[in-house]
Amino acid sequence: MSRAEPLPVPVHDDHTHLNFEPDADLWDGDEPRGIDRAIAELDAAEAVGVAGVVQVGTNLADSRWAVALAERDPRVLAAIAIHPNDAPALAAEGGLDAALAELDVLAARPRVRAIGETGLDFFRTADEGRPDQRASFEAHIAITKRHGLALQIHDRDAHDAVLGVLAEVGAPERTVLHCFSGDADFARRALDAGCHLSFAGTVTFKNAGYLREALAVAPLDRVLVETDAPFLTPHPFRGRPNAPSYLPVTLRAMADVLGLDVAELGTAVRENAIRVYGQW
């Protein structure tokens, strides 16, 4: 099998990074680079039933790039943020407040529909950086609420702390745990906190039974699907860079877990995505 089998209904990729190239310069002056390549990937995705994507920023340069792509291609909505692993270093340089202020300005653009990915990461950020990471997370939540947007949360080894922050400051009305990584118990607690759960290619991995158990307890109206491309390529394509065109593989695996027809699950996740982010 060289490509994903097309879906019977159109769906949306909840979280992708079409611009991700390590150390690449995303901008040539005021012109974004790599737009043509991104559009080619969107074309390939559309050919297998992926009608649109949320292009996600992790710093100012690629947040601006996400907005530029979203303003050029109607299949794209933008999410903008400073990644939680970058927040402590930016704070140490004295640049976090200015970066957050620029995000606040960008958030007013019509094609920006989410703030993210933001959150907490206790895998890559050591104890000394966690206060700045939390402060950044809370600031992103405030921007989300100020603009009436959705929130996309990055949570790695920080389940309890993420839910603690949401309980303390109040979760935005539309909050998504991107690349959900918890078990069924955490899924129930996140759902009780009002979160949507977005599942990536990891749900297809043989050692990820706990993710499939988490998916099984989630109400159908709170489930989303994503690639997190170019990461987390689903089985049997592991070893290749991920892309939105592989989303059908993950959706079919999710349908198997839930005992649903692919069209039924696809229709539900499309409606959920539109409810969270608005019309593409």
Protein backbone atom coordinates (compact mmCIF):
# COMPACT_ATOMS: atom_id res chain seq x y z
CA MET A 1 0.00 0.00 0.00
CA SER A 2 1.58 3.28 -1.13
CA ARG A 3 -1.17 5.70 -0.14
CA ALA A 4 -4.17 5.94 2.15
CA GLU A 5 -7.51 4.71 0.86
CA PRO A 6 -9.82 7.69 0.23
CA LEU A 7 -12.49 8.41 2.80
CA PRO A 8 -16.20 8.21 1.93
CA VAL A 9 -16.88 11.60 3.56
CA PRO A 10 -14.72 14.74 3.94
CA VAL A 11 -12.96 15.32 7.27
CA HIS A 12 -10.57 17.89 8.73
CA ASP A 13 -7.08 17.44 10.18
CA ASP A 14 -7.27 19.01 13.63
CA HIS A 15 -3.52 19.67 13.96
CA THR A 16 -0.73 19.71 11.39
CA HIS A 17 2.58 21.45 10.64
CA LEU A 18 2.88 21.83 6.88
CA ASN A 19 5.87 24.12 7.24
CA PHE A 20 8.04 21.99 9.49
CA GLU A 21 11.62 21.81 8.30
CA PRO A 22 14.28 21.94 11.00
CA ASP A 23 16.31 25.15 10.85
CA ALA A 24 14.49 26.29 7.70
CA ASP A 25 14.02 30.00 7.13
CA LEU A 26 10.28 30.39 6.69
CA TRP A 27 10.44 33.93 5.37
CA ASP A 28 12.10 35.75 2.50
CA GLY A 29 11.56 39.28 3.71
CA ASP A 30 7.79 39.61 3.86
CA GLU A 31 7.17 36.57 1.66
CA PRO A 32 6.53 33.15 3.23
CA ARG A 33 8.58 30.30 1.82
CA GLY A 34 7.27 26.81 1.13
CA ILE A 35 3.69 27.80 0.33
CA ASP A 36 3.67 25.89 -2.97
CA ARG A 37 4.86 22.71 -1.25
CA ALA A 38 2.18 23.11 1.42
CA ILE A 39 -0.50 23.55 -1.24
CA ALA A 40 0.71 20.39 -2.98
CA GLU A 41 0.31 18.51 0.32
CA LEU A 42 -3.18 19.95 0.72
CA ASP A 43 -4.04 18.78 -2.81
CA ALA A 44 -2.83 15.25 -1.98
CA ALA A 45 -4.87 15.28 1.21
CA GLU A 46 -8.00 16.53 -0.53
CA ALA A 47 -7.69 13.67 -3.03
CA VAL A 48 -8.21 11.17 -0.16
CA GLY A 49 -11.01 13.06 1.55
CA VAL A 50 -9.21 15.50 3.87
CA ALA A 51 -11.08 18.72 3.16
CA GLY A 52 -9.07 21.04 5.38
CA VAL A 53 -6.50 21.40 8.14
CA VAL A 54 -5.65 23.47 11.16
CA GLN A 55 -2.09 24.69 10.57
CA VAL A 56 -0.46 25.07 13.97
CA GLY A 57 2.21 27.53 15.05
CA THR A 58 4.89 26.91 17.69
CA ASN A 59 6.76 30.24 17.57
CA LEU A 60 6.26 33.69 16.10
CA ALA A 61 7.79 32.91 12.70
CA ASP A 62 5.68 29.86 11.99
CA SER A 63 2.59 31.38 13.61
CA ARG A 64 2.89 34.21 11.09
CA TRP A 65 3.45 31.57 8.40
CA ALA A 66 0.29 29.71 9.49
CA VAL A 67 -1.71 32.90 9.14
CA ALA A 68 -0.20 33.60 5.71
CA LEU A 69 -1.10 30.12 4.46
CA ALA A 70 -4.62 30.32 5.90
CA GLU A 71 -5.17 33.65 4.18
CA ARG A 72 -4.07 32.18 0.84
CA ASP A 73 -5.83 28.80 0.88
CA PRO A 74 -9.43 28.29 2.06
CA ARG A 75 -8.64 24.73 3.17
CA VAL A 76 -6.51 26.08 6.02
CA LEU A 77 -7.30 27.64 9.38
CA ALA A 78 -4.52 28.91 11.64
CA ALA A 79 -3.62 28.23 15.25
CA ILE A 80 -0.88 30.42 16.75
CA ALA A 81 1.28 30.08 19.86
CA ILE A 82 4.64 29.87 21.54
CA HIS A 83 5.35 26.18 22.19
CA PRO A 84 5.59 25.36 25.90
CA ASN A 85 9.13 24.03 25.51
CA ASP A 86 10.23 27.35 24.00
CA ALA A 87 8.58 29.58 26.59
CA PRO A 88 11.21 29.28 29.37
CA ALA A 89 14.13 30.19 27.10
CA LEU A 90 12.19 33.07 25.60
CA ALA A 91 11.33 34.30 29.09
CA ALA A 92 15.00 34.09 30.12
CA GLU A 93 15.92 36.25 27.13
CA GLY A 94 13.28 38.79 28.12
CA GLY A 95 11.23 38.21 24.97
CA LEU A 96 8.20 36.25 26.13
CA ASP A 97 5.96 39.22 26.93
CA ALA A 98 6.65 40.83 23.54
CA ALA A 99 5.97 37.55 21.75
CA LEU A 100 2.68 37.13 23.59
CA ALA A 101 1.72 40.69 22.70
CA GLU A 102 2.31 39.97 19.02
CA LEU A 103 0.23 36.80 19.26
CA ASP A 104 -2.55 38.89 20.77
CA VAL A 105 -2.49 41.10 17.66
CA LEU A 106 -2.37 38.14 15.26
CA ALA A 107 -5.27 36.49 17.08
CA ALA A 108 -7.63 39.15 15.71
CA ARG A 109 -7.09 37.98 12.10
CA PRO A 110 -10.23 36.25 10.74
CA ARG A 111 -8.45 33.06 9.66
CA VAL A 112 -6.96 32.53 13.13
CA ARG A 113 -9.37 30.22 14.93
CA ALA A 114 -7.27 28.80 17.76
CA ILE A 115 -4.48 29.55 20.17
CA GLY A 116 -2.07 26.66 20.29
CA GLU A 117 -0.16 24.67 20.65
CA THR A 118 0.33 25.80 24.21
CA GLY A 119 0.29 23.89 27.48
CA LEU A 120 2.75 22.04 29.68
CA ASP A 121 5.56 19.63 28.86
CA PHE A 122 7.30 18.02 31.81
CA PHE A 123 9.24 15.63 29.56
CA ARG A 124 11.50 18.23 27.93
CA THR A 125 11.28 21.13 30.38
CA ALA A 126 13.09 20.74 33.70
CA ASP A 127 11.79 21.96 37.05
CA GLU A 128 13.43 25.37 36.81
CA GLY A 129 11.65 26.22 33.56
CA ARG A 130 8.19 25.15 34.64
CA PRO A 131 7.05 28.40 36.28
CA ASP A 132 7.68 30.30 33.03
CA GLN A 133 6.00 27.52 31.07
CA ARG A 134 2.94 27.75 33.28
CA ALA A 135 2.86 31.55 33.05
CA SER A 136 2.98 31.28 29.25
CA PHE A 137 0.16 28.72 29.28
CA GLU A 138 -2.02 30.99 31.40
CA ALA A 139 -1.28 33.96 29.13
CA HIS A 140 -2.27 31.91 26.07
CA ILE A 141 -5.53 30.97 27.79
CA ALA A 142 -6.22 34.65 28.43
CA ILE A 143 -5.63 35.49 24.75
CA THR A 144 -7.93 32.63 23.76
CA LYS A 145 -10.75 33.96 25.90
CA ARG A 146 -10.19 37.58 24.87
CA HIS A 147 -10.67 36.71 21.20
CA GLY A 148 -13.30 34.00 21.60
CA LEU A 149 -11.10 31.33 20.00
CA ALA A 150 -10.49 27.64 20.56
CA LEU A 151 -7.52 26.43 22.62
CA GLN A 152 -5.19 23.62 21.50
CA ILE A 153 -3.23 22.11 24.38
CA HIS A 154 0.12 20.33 24.22
CA ASP A 155 0.30 17.98 27.22
CA ARG A 156 3.31 15.74 27.71
CA ASP A 157 3.81 14.00 31.05
CA ALA A 158 1.77 16.79 32.66
CA HIS A 159 -1.79 15.49 32.76
CA ASP A 160 -2.64 16.51 36.32
CA ALA A 161 -0.94 19.88 36.03
CA VAL A 162 -2.78 20.74 32.80
CA LEU A 163 -6.15 19.96 34.33
CA GLY A 164 -5.10 21.88 37.44
CA VAL A 165 -4.42 25.03 35.43
CA LEU A 166 -7.71 24.71 33.56
CA ALA A 167 -9.57 24.30 36.86
CA GLU A 168 -7.81 27.28 38.41
CA VAL A 169 -8.13 29.82 35.60
CA GLY A 170 -11.12 28.36 33.77
CA ALA A 171 -11.01 26.44 30.51
CA PRO A 172 -12.06 28.25 27.34
CA GLU A 173 -15.41 27.13 26.00
CA ARG A 174 -13.72 25.16 23.20
CA THR A 175 -10.62 23.38 24.49
CA VAL A 176 -8.81 20.56 22.68
CA LEU A 177 -6.20 18.18 24.05
CA HIS A 178 -4.10 17.73 20.92
CA CYS A 179 -2.47 14.34 20.33
CA PHE A 180 -4.27 12.89 23.32
CA SER A 181 -1.78 10.79 25.27
CA GLY A 182 -3.56 9.67 28.41
CA ASP A 183 -5.41 6.57 29.51
CA ALA A 184 -9.14 6.05 29.97
CA ASP A 185 -9.14 7.55 33.48
CA PHE A 186 -7.47 10.73 32.28
CA ALA A 187 -9.83 10.85 29.30
CA ARG A 188 -12.81 10.83 31.66
CA ARG A 189 -11.31 13.61 33.77
CA ALA A 190 -10.47 15.70 30.71
CA LEU A 191 -13.98 15.23 29.35
CA ASP A 192 -15.41 16.27 32.71
CA ALA A 193 -13.28 19.43 32.41
CA GLY A 194 -14.97 20.19 29.09
CA CYS A 195 -12.17 19.14 26.74
CA HIS A 196 -12.35 17.63 23.29
CA LEU A 197 -9.89 14.79 22.67
CA SER A 198 -7.91 14.77 19.43
CA PHE A 199 -6.34 11.45 18.44
CA ALA A 200 -3.27 11.12 16.22
CA GLY A 201 -1.47 8.25 14.49
CA THR A 202 -0.34 6.97 17.88
CA VAL A 203 -3.76 5.34 18.28
CA THR A 204 -2.67 2.84 15.57
CA PHE A 205 0.55 1.80 17.36
CA LYS A 206 0.60 -1.77 18.68
CA ASN A 207 1.75 -0.68 22.15
CA ALA A 208 -0.96 1.98 22.51
CA GLY A 209 -3.84 -0.07 23.83
CA TYR A 210 -4.35 2.53 26.56
CA LEU A 211 -5.10 5.15 23.87
CA ARG A 212 -7.68 2.91 22.25
CA GLU A 213 -9.26 2.41 25.68
CA ALA A 214 -9.34 6.19 26.13
CA LEU A 215 -10.97 6.65 22.73
CA ALA A 216 -13.60 4.06 23.62
CA VAL A 217 -14.84 6.10 26.60
CA ALA A 218 -15.10 9.39 24.71
CA PRO A 219 -18.54 10.58 23.53
CA LEU A 220 -18.69 10.84 19.76
CA ASP A 221 -19.35 14.58 19.90
CA ARG A 222 -16.05 15.22 21.73
CA VAL A 223 -13.67 13.35 19.40
CA LEU A 224 -11.34 14.89 16.80
CA VAL A 225 -8.66 13.41 14.54
CA GLU A 226 -5.26 14.81 13.59
CA THR A 227 -1.94 13.96 12.02
CA ASP A 228 0.50 16.20 13.94
CA ALA A 229 2.40 15.93 10.65
CA PRO A 230 5.24 15.46 9.98
CA PHE A 231 5.31 13.47 13.23
CA LEU A 232 3.48 10.35 14.49
CA THR A 233 2.90 8.66 11.15
CA PRO A 234 0.26 5.94 11.54
CA HIS A 235 0.89 2.25 11.01
CA PRO A 236 1.57 0.87 8.36
CA PHE A 237 3.32 4.02 7.10
CA ARG A 238 5.62 4.47 10.12
CA GLY A 239 9.12 5.45 9.08
CA ARG A 240 7.86 8.00 6.56
CA PRO A 241 7.20 11.68 7.29
CA ASN A 242 3.57 12.09 8.23
CA ALA A 243 1.22 14.22 6.12
CA PRO A 244 -2.49 15.11 6.13
CA SER A 245 -2.97 12.57 3.32
CA TYR A 246 -2.37 9.80 5.89
CA LEU A 247 -5.27 10.96 8.08
CA PRO A 248 -7.67 8.34 6.62
CA VAL A 249 -5.50 5.57 8.13
CA THR A 250 -5.95 6.96 11.63
CA LEU A 251 -9.66 7.61 11.16
CA ARG A 252 -10.25 4.03 10.00
CA ALA A 253 -8.37 2.68 13.01
CA MET A 254 -10.52 4.85 15.27
CA ALA A 255 -13.69 3.60 13.60
CA ASP A 256 -12.57 0.01 14.25
CA VAL A 257 -12.05 0.78 17.95
CA LEU A 258 -15.48 2.38 18.22
CA GLY A 259 -17.26 -0.23 16.10
CA LEU A 260 -18.53 2.46 13.76
CA ASP A 261 -18.83 2.81 10.04
CA VAL A 262 -16.06 5.07 8.71
CA ALA A 263 -18.59 7.44 7.17
CA GLU A 264 -20.44 7.75 10.48
CA LEU A 265 -17.26 8.58 12.40
CA GLY A 266 -16.04 10.88 9.63
CA THR A 267 -19.29 12.83 9.65
CA ALA A 268 -19.11 13.19 13.44
CA VAL A 269 -15.51 14.42 13.56
CA ARG A 270 -16.16 16.86 10.72
CA GLU A 271 -19.12 18.32 12.60
CA ASN A 272 -17.05 18.46 15.78
CA ALA A 273 -14.22 20.31 14.01
CA ILE A 274 -16.63 22.87 12.58
CA ARG A 275 -18.24 23.34 15.97
CA VAL A 276 -14.82 23.95 17.57
CA TYR A 277 -13.19 26.11 14.86
CA GLY A 278 -16.05 27.43 12.74
CA GLN A 279 -16.50 26.96 9.01
CA TRP A 280 -13.42 26.62 6.87
